[in-house]
Amino acid sequence: MSTTAKHDNASPNAHPEDKGHPHNNKKDCTIEHLKAHLNNASAAACSYLHAFICKTQDVARACLLELQNPVVLVNLLLHSSVLCYLCNGYANHNVRFLKGKSNSVVLTTTAGALGLLTLDGLISKKYYSRFDKK
């Protein structure tokens, strides 16, 4: 293709200095520029999303591997049940849970929950490595 044929398709409204420019007007140039920026932003977002998905999959694999250890499974069940019990007690504080109970009963309940979790932590430290599948 000759250089003159290349410029023959220019619009009649094109400025004489724009003859070598691939776009016929500023609107086309702006659209192309915007498309390029959107493509770059889209590629970056896809890259971050892919990295996030890979990290999430790695964490999920590690969690599933850890849950195969009975010590971890018992810890999860025990800690979540104690947490639910304490949250339920807090939510029902004014209704019925602590109504009419002395401070010593409340402190004993809290100390018992903390003692149970501490004992569980010590037992877990002792037996975790025995059941570890790594």
N, C-alpha and C. Protein backbone atom coordinates (compact mmCIF):
# COMPACT_ATOMS: atom_id res chain seq x y z
N MET A 1 0.84 -1.17 0.00
CA MET A 1 0.00 0.00 0.00
C MET A 1 0.89 1.24 0.00
N SER A 2 0.58 2.17 -0.85
CA SER A 2 1.41 3.38 -0.94
C SER A 2 1.03 4.36 0.16
N THR A 3 1.89 5.29 0.40
CA THR A 3 1.62 6.28 1.45
C THR A 3 0.48 7.19 1.08
N THR A 4 0.28 7.43 -0.21
CA THR A 4 -0.84 8.29 -0.60
C THR A 4 -2.15 7.56 -0.44
N ALA A 5 -2.19 6.27 -0.73
CA ALA A 5 -3.42 5.50 -0.56
C ALA A 5 -3.79 5.40 0.91
N LYS A 6 -2.79 5.41 1.76
CA LYS A 6 -3.02 5.30 3.19
C LYS A 6 -3.77 6.53 3.71
N HIS A 7 -3.51 7.69 3.13
CA HIS A 7 -4.10 8.92 3.60
C HIS A 7 -5.36 9.30 2.85
N ASP A 8 -5.71 8.54 1.82
CA ASP A 8 -6.89 8.87 1.04
C ASP A 8 -8.18 8.65 1.83
N ASN A 9 -8.14 7.81 2.85
CA ASN A 9 -9.35 7.50 3.62
C ASN A 9 -9.61 8.51 4.73
N ALA A 10 -8.82 9.54 4.83
CA ALA A 10 -9.01 10.54 5.87
C ALA A 10 -10.31 11.27 5.64
N SER A 11 -10.95 11.66 6.71
CA SER A 11 -12.22 12.35 6.57
C SER A 11 -11.99 13.75 6.02
N PRO A 12 -13.01 14.29 5.37
CA PRO A 12 -12.84 15.63 4.78
C PRO A 12 -12.64 16.69 5.85
N ASN A 13 -13.09 16.43 7.08
CA ASN A 13 -12.97 17.41 8.16
C ASN A 13 -11.64 17.29 8.89
N ALA A 14 -10.81 16.34 8.51
CA ALA A 14 -9.56 16.11 9.22
C ALA A 14 -8.61 17.27 8.99
N HIS A 15 -7.86 17.55 10.00
CA HIS A 15 -6.87 18.62 9.93
C HIS A 15 -5.69 18.14 9.08
N PRO A 16 -5.06 19.00 8.33
CA PRO A 16 -3.95 18.55 7.46
C PRO A 16 -2.82 17.89 8.23
N GLU A 17 -2.58 18.30 9.50
CA GLU A 17 -1.49 17.68 10.27
C GLU A 17 -1.88 16.28 10.76
N ASP A 18 -3.16 15.92 10.74
CA ASP A 18 -3.63 14.63 11.22
C ASP A 18 -3.54 13.55 10.16
N LYS A 19 -3.01 13.86 8.97
CA LYS A 19 -3.02 12.88 7.89
C LYS A 19 -2.28 11.60 8.27
N GLY A 20 -1.20 11.69 9.02
CA GLY A 20 -0.44 10.50 9.37
C GLY A 20 -1.02 9.79 10.59
N HIS A 21 -1.96 10.37 11.28
CA HIS A 21 -2.54 9.78 12.49
C HIS A 21 -3.51 8.67 12.10
N PRO A 22 -3.50 7.54 12.79
CA PRO A 22 -4.36 6.42 12.40
C PRO A 22 -5.84 6.69 12.59
N HIS A 23 -6.21 7.68 13.39
CA HIS A 23 -7.63 7.97 13.63
C HIS A 23 -8.03 9.21 12.85
N ASN A 24 -9.28 9.23 12.47
CA ASN A 24 -9.75 10.34 11.65
C ASN A 24 -10.12 11.56 12.48
N ASN A 25 -10.44 11.38 13.75
CA ASN A 25 -10.80 12.54 14.55
C ASN A 25 -10.45 12.31 16.01
N LYS A 26 -10.61 13.35 16.81
CA LYS A 26 -10.24 13.28 18.22
C LYS A 26 -11.14 12.32 18.99
N LYS A 27 -12.39 12.19 18.57
CA LYS A 27 -13.33 11.29 19.26
C LYS A 27 -12.84 9.85 19.15
N ASP A 28 -12.42 9.43 17.96
CA ASP A 28 -11.89 8.07 17.79
C ASP A 28 -10.64 7.86 18.63
N CYS A 29 -9.79 8.85 18.68
CA CYS A 29 -8.56 8.77 19.45
C CYS A 29 -8.87 8.64 20.94
N THR A 30 -9.82 9.40 21.43
CA THR A 30 -10.22 9.34 22.83
C THR A 30 -10.82 7.99 23.16
N ILE A 31 -11.64 7.47 22.26
CA ILE A 31 -12.25 6.16 22.49
C ILE A 31 -11.18 5.08 22.56
N GLU A 32 -10.22 5.13 21.65
CA GLU A 32 -9.13 4.15 21.66
C GLU A 32 -8.29 4.26 22.94
N HIS A 33 -8.05 5.48 23.35
CA HIS A 33 -7.29 5.72 24.59
C HIS A 33 -8.05 5.16 25.80
N LEU A 34 -9.35 5.41 25.84
CA LEU A 34 -10.20 4.91 26.92
C LEU A 34 -10.24 3.38 26.91
N LYS A 35 -10.35 2.79 25.72
CA LYS A 35 -10.35 1.33 25.61
C LYS A 35 -9.04 0.74 26.15
N ALA A 36 -7.93 1.38 25.82
CA ALA A 36 -6.63 0.90 26.30
C ALA A 36 -6.57 0.95 27.83
N HIS A 37 -7.04 2.05 28.42
CA HIS A 37 -7.03 2.16 29.88
C HIS A 37 -7.96 1.13 30.51
N LEU A 38 -9.13 0.94 29.92
CA LEU A 38 -10.06 -0.06 30.46
C LEU A 38 -9.50 -1.47 30.34
N ASN A 39 -8.82 -1.76 29.23
CA ASN A 39 -8.19 -3.08 29.08
C ASN A 39 -7.10 -3.29 30.12
N ASN A 40 -6.31 -2.25 30.39
CA ASN A 40 -5.27 -2.36 31.41
C ASN A 40 -5.88 -2.57 32.80
N ALA A 41 -6.93 -1.81 33.10
CA ALA A 41 -7.59 -1.95 34.40
C ALA A 41 -8.23 -3.32 34.53
N SER A 42 -8.83 -3.80 33.47
CA SER A 42 -9.44 -5.13 33.48
C SER A 42 -8.40 -6.21 33.68
N ALA A 43 -7.27 -6.09 33.02
CA ALA A 43 -6.19 -7.08 33.17
C ALA A 43 -5.65 -7.06 34.60
N ALA A 44 -5.51 -5.88 35.19
CA ALA A 44 -5.03 -5.79 36.57
C ALA A 44 -6.04 -6.40 37.53
N ALA A 45 -7.33 -6.10 37.32
CA ALA A 45 -8.36 -6.66 38.19
C ALA A 45 -8.40 -8.18 38.08
N CYS A 46 -8.29 -8.70 36.87
CA CYS A 46 -8.27 -10.16 36.68
C CYS A 46 -7.06 -10.78 37.36
N SER A 47 -5.93 -10.11 37.28
CA SER A 47 -4.71 -10.61 37.92
C SER A 47 -4.88 -10.67 39.44
N TYR A 48 -5.41 -9.60 40.03
CA TYR A 48 -5.64 -9.58 41.47
C TYR A 48 -6.67 -10.63 41.88
N LEU A 49 -7.72 -10.77 41.10
CA LEU A 49 -8.75 -11.75 41.40
C LEU A 49 -8.19 -13.17 41.33
N HIS A 50 -7.37 -13.43 40.33
CA HIS A 50 -6.75 -14.75 40.20
C HIS A 50 -5.84 -15.04 41.39
N ALA A 51 -5.06 -14.06 41.81
CA ALA A 51 -4.18 -14.23 42.98
C ALA A 51 -5.00 -14.47 44.24
N PHE A 52 -6.12 -13.74 44.38
CA PHE A 52 -6.99 -13.92 45.55
C PHE A 52 -7.60 -15.32 45.56
N ILE A 53 -8.04 -15.78 44.41
CA ILE A 53 -8.64 -17.13 44.32
C ILE A 53 -7.60 -18.20 44.65
N CYS A 54 -6.39 -18.04 44.14
CA CYS A 54 -5.33 -19.01 44.43
C CYS A 54 -5.01 -19.04 45.93
N LYS A 55 -4.93 -17.87 46.55
CA LYS A 55 -4.65 -17.79 47.99
C LYS A 55 -5.79 -18.41 48.78
N THR A 56 -7.03 -18.16 48.39
CA THR A 56 -8.19 -18.73 49.07
C THR A 56 -8.18 -20.25 48.95
N GLN A 57 -7.83 -20.76 47.79
CA GLN A 57 -7.75 -22.21 47.61
C GLN A 57 -6.66 -22.82 48.48
N ASP A 58 -5.53 -22.14 48.59
CA ASP A 58 -4.45 -22.63 49.45
C ASP A 58 -4.89 -22.67 50.91
N VAL A 59 -5.57 -21.63 51.37
CA VAL A 59 -6.05 -21.59 52.75
C VAL A 59 -7.10 -22.69 52.98
N ALA A 60 -7.98 -22.89 52.02
CA ALA A 60 -9.01 -23.93 52.15
C ALA A 60 -8.37 -25.32 52.22
N ARG A 61 -7.34 -25.56 51.40
CA ARG A 61 -6.64 -26.85 51.44
C ARG A 61 -5.98 -27.06 52.79
N ALA A 62 -5.35 -26.01 53.31
CA ALA A 62 -4.69 -26.11 54.62
C ALA A 62 -5.72 -26.38 55.72
N CYS A 63 -6.86 -25.72 55.64
CA CYS A 63 -7.92 -25.94 56.65
C CYS A 63 -8.45 -27.37 56.57
N LEU A 64 -8.69 -27.85 55.37
CA LEU A 64 -9.18 -29.23 55.23
C LEU A 64 -8.16 -30.24 55.73
N LEU A 65 -6.90 -29.97 55.49
CA LEU A 65 -5.85 -30.86 55.98
C LEU A 65 -5.81 -30.84 57.51
N GLU A 66 -5.92 -29.65 58.09
CA GLU A 66 -5.90 -29.53 59.55
C GLU A 66 -7.14 -30.17 60.18
N LEU A 67 -8.28 -30.08 59.52
CA LEU A 67 -9.51 -30.65 60.08
C LEU A 67 -9.49 -32.18 60.06
N GLN A 68 -8.56 -32.79 59.34
CA GLN A 68 -8.42 -34.24 59.38
C GLN A 68 -7.78 -34.69 60.68
N ASN A 69 -7.16 -33.76 61.40
CA ASN A 69 -6.58 -34.04 62.70
C ASN A 69 -7.71 -33.98 63.74
N PRO A 70 -7.97 -35.08 64.47
CA PRO A 70 -9.08 -35.07 65.43
C PRO A 70 -8.91 -34.04 66.54
N VAL A 71 -7.69 -33.70 66.89
CA VAL A 71 -7.47 -32.70 67.93
C VAL A 71 -7.98 -31.34 67.47
N VAL A 72 -7.71 -31.00 66.22
CA VAL A 72 -8.17 -29.72 65.68
C VAL A 72 -9.69 -29.71 65.58
N LEU A 73 -10.27 -30.82 65.16
CA LEU A 73 -11.73 -30.90 65.04
C LEU A 73 -12.41 -30.75 66.40
N VAL A 74 -11.87 -31.41 67.43
CA VAL A 74 -12.44 -31.28 68.77
C VAL A 74 -12.28 -29.85 69.27
N ASN A 75 -11.12 -29.24 69.00
CA ASN A 75 -10.92 -27.84 69.39
C ASN A 75 -11.93 -26.92 68.72
N LEU A 76 -12.15 -27.13 67.45
CA LEU A 76 -13.11 -26.30 66.73
C LEU A 76 -14.50 -26.42 67.33
N LEU A 77 -14.92 -27.64 67.59
CA LEU A 77 -16.25 -27.85 68.16
C LEU A 77 -16.35 -27.28 69.57
N LEU A 78 -15.34 -27.52 70.39
CA LEU A 78 -15.38 -27.04 71.77
C LEU A 78 -15.33 -25.52 71.83
N HIS A 79 -14.43 -24.92 71.10
CA HIS A 79 -14.30 -23.47 71.15
C HIS A 79 -15.53 -22.77 70.58
N SER A 80 -16.07 -23.31 69.50
CA SER A 80 -17.27 -22.67 68.94
C SER A 80 -18.46 -22.82 69.87
N SER A 81 -18.59 -23.96 70.56
CA SER A 81 -19.71 -24.13 71.48
C SER A 81 -19.57 -23.21 72.69
N VAL A 82 -18.36 -23.06 73.22
CA VAL A 82 -18.15 -22.13 74.35
C VAL A 82 -18.42 -20.70 73.91
N LEU A 83 -17.95 -20.36 72.74
CA LEU A 83 -18.19 -19.01 72.22
C LEU A 83 -19.68 -18.74 72.04
N CYS A 84 -20.39 -19.71 71.48
CA CYS A 84 -21.85 -19.55 71.31
C CYS A 84 -22.55 -19.42 72.67
N TYR A 85 -22.12 -20.21 73.64
CA TYR A 85 -22.71 -20.15 74.98
C TYR A 85 -22.50 -18.77 75.59
N LEU A 86 -21.28 -18.25 75.47
CA LEU A 86 -21.00 -16.93 76.05
C LEU A 86 -21.72 -15.82 75.29
N CYS A 87 -21.78 -15.92 73.98
CA CYS A 87 -22.51 -14.91 73.19
C CYS A 87 -24.00 -14.93 73.50
N ASN A 88 -24.54 -16.13 73.65
CA ASN A 88 -25.96 -16.26 74.00
C ASN A 88 -26.21 -15.64 75.38
N GLY A 89 -25.31 -15.88 76.31
CA GLY A 89 -25.46 -15.30 77.65
C GLY A 89 -25.38 -13.79 77.61
N TYR A 90 -24.49 -13.27 76.78
CA TYR A 90 -24.38 -11.82 76.66
C TYR A 90 -25.63 -11.23 76.01
N ALA A 91 -26.12 -11.90 74.98
CA ALA A 91 -27.31 -11.39 74.27
C ALA A 91 -28.54 -11.39 75.17
N ASN A 92 -28.62 -12.38 76.04
CA ASN A 92 -29.79 -12.49 76.91
C ASN A 92 -29.51 -11.94 78.31
N HIS A 93 -28.52 -11.07 78.42
CA HIS A 93 -28.10 -10.54 79.72
C HIS A 93 -29.27 -9.95 80.50
N ASN A 94 -30.03 -9.11 79.89
CA ASN A 94 -31.13 -8.44 80.59
C ASN A 94 -32.39 -9.28 80.64
N VAL A 95 -32.51 -10.26 79.82
CA VAL A 95 -33.76 -11.00 79.74
C VAL A 95 -33.82 -12.09 80.80
N ARG A 96 -32.90 -13.05 80.73
CA ARG A 96 -33.02 -14.15 81.68
C ARG A 96 -31.71 -14.78 82.10
N PHE A 97 -30.67 -14.69 81.28
CA PHE A 97 -29.45 -15.45 81.53
C PHE A 97 -28.78 -15.08 82.85
N LEU A 98 -28.55 -13.80 83.06
CA LEU A 98 -27.88 -13.37 84.28
C LEU A 98 -28.81 -12.67 85.26
N LYS A 99 -30.08 -12.61 84.92
CA LYS A 99 -31.03 -11.91 85.77
C LYS A 99 -31.17 -12.65 87.11
N GLY A 100 -30.90 -11.93 88.15
CA GLY A 100 -31.03 -12.52 89.48
C GLY A 100 -29.83 -13.33 89.92
N LYS A 101 -28.79 -13.41 89.13
CA LYS A 101 -27.59 -14.17 89.50
C LYS A 101 -26.56 -13.22 90.08
N SER A 102 -25.82 -13.72 91.05
CA SER A 102 -24.81 -12.88 91.71
C SER A 102 -23.56 -12.75 90.83
N ASN A 103 -22.73 -11.82 91.22
CA ASN A 103 -21.48 -11.61 90.50
C ASN A 103 -20.58 -12.84 90.58
N SER A 104 -20.62 -13.55 91.69
CA SER A 104 -19.76 -14.73 91.84
C SER A 104 -20.16 -15.82 90.85
N VAL A 105 -21.45 -15.97 90.56
CA VAL A 105 -21.89 -16.97 89.58
C VAL A 105 -21.41 -16.58 88.17
N VAL A 106 -21.50 -15.31 87.87
CA VAL A 106 -21.05 -14.83 86.56
C VAL A 106 -19.55 -15.04 86.42
N LEU A 107 -18.78 -14.67 87.44
CA LEU A 107 -17.32 -14.85 87.40
C LEU A 107 -16.94 -16.33 87.36
N THR A 108 -17.67 -17.17 88.06
CA THR A 108 -17.39 -18.61 88.04
C THR A 108 -17.65 -19.18 86.66
N THR A 109 -18.72 -18.75 86.03
CA THR A 109 -19.03 -19.22 84.67
C THR A 109 -17.93 -18.80 83.70
N THR A 110 -17.51 -17.56 83.78
CA THR A 110 -16.45 -17.06 82.90
C THR A 110 -15.13 -17.77 83.17
N ALA A 111 -14.78 -17.93 84.43
CA ALA A 111 -13.53 -18.61 84.79
C ALA A 111 -13.57 -20.07 84.35
N GLY A 112 -14.73 -20.71 84.48
CA GLY A 112 -14.86 -22.10 84.02
C GLY A 112 -14.66 -22.23 82.52
N ALA A 113 -15.23 -21.30 81.76
CA ALA A 113 -15.06 -21.32 80.31
C ALA A 113 -13.60 -21.10 79.93
N LEU A 114 -12.96 -20.13 80.57
CA LEU A 114 -11.55 -19.87 80.28
C LEU A 114 -10.67 -21.04 80.72
N GLY A 115 -10.98 -21.64 81.86
CA GLY A 115 -10.22 -22.81 82.32
C GLY A 115 -10.36 -23.97 81.36
N LEU A 116 -11.57 -24.20 80.87
CA LEU A 116 -11.82 -25.28 79.92
C LEU A 116 -11.03 -25.06 78.63
N LEU A 117 -11.01 -23.84 78.14
CA LEU A 117 -10.27 -23.53 76.92
C LEU A 117 -8.75 -23.63 77.15
N THR A 118 -8.28 -23.25 78.33
CA THR A 118 -6.85 -23.37 78.66
C THR A 118 -6.44 -24.83 78.74
N LEU A 119 -7.25 -25.64 79.43
CA LEU A 119 -6.97 -27.08 79.52
C LEU A 119 -6.98 -27.71 78.14
N ASP A 120 -7.92 -27.31 77.32
CA ASP A 120 -7.99 -27.83 75.95
C ASP A 120 -6.73 -27.45 75.17
N GLY A 121 -6.25 -26.23 75.35
CA GLY A 121 -5.02 -25.80 74.68
C GLY A 121 -3.82 -26.63 75.11
N LEU A 122 -3.71 -26.92 76.39
CA LEU A 122 -2.60 -27.74 76.87
C LEU A 122 -2.66 -29.17 76.35
N ILE A 123 -3.84 -29.75 76.35
CA ILE A 123 -4.02 -31.12 75.82
C ILE A 123 -3.74 -31.13 74.32
N SER A 124 -4.19 -30.12 73.63
CA SER A 124 -3.95 -30.03 72.18
C SER A 124 -2.47 -29.94 71.87
N LYS A 125 -1.75 -29.16 72.65
CA LYS A 125 -0.31 -29.02 72.43
C LYS A 125 0.39 -30.37 72.59
N LYS A 126 -0.10 -31.16 73.53
CA LYS A 126 0.51 -32.47 73.79
C LYS A 126 0.20 -33.46 72.68
N TYR A 127 -1.05 -33.50 72.20
CA TYR A 127 -1.48 -34.54 71.27
C TYR A 127 -1.55 -34.13 69.80
N TYR A 128 -1.37 -32.86 69.49
CA TYR A 128 -1.50 -32.40 68.12
C TYR A 128 -0.55 -33.13 67.18
N SER A 129 0.72 -33.21 67.55
CA SER A 129 1.72 -33.79 66.66
C SER A 129 1.48 -35.28 66.42
N ARG A 130 0.83 -35.96 67.34
CA ARG A 130 0.56 -37.39 67.17
C ARG A 130 -0.40 -37.63 66.01
N PHE A 131 -1.36 -36.74 65.81
CA PHE A 131 -2.37 -36.93 64.77
C PHE A 131 -2.14 -36.08 63.53
N ASP A 132 -1.03 -35.34 63.52
CA ASP A 132 -0.75 -34.46 62.38
C ASP A 132 -0.46 -35.27 61.13
N LYS A 133 -1.12 -34.95 60.00
CA LYS A 133 -0.98 -35.72 58.76
C LYS A 133 -0.03 -35.06 57.78
N LYS A 134 0.68 -34.04 58.17
CA LYS A 134 1.61 -33.36 57.26
C LYS A 134 2.88 -34.13 57.11
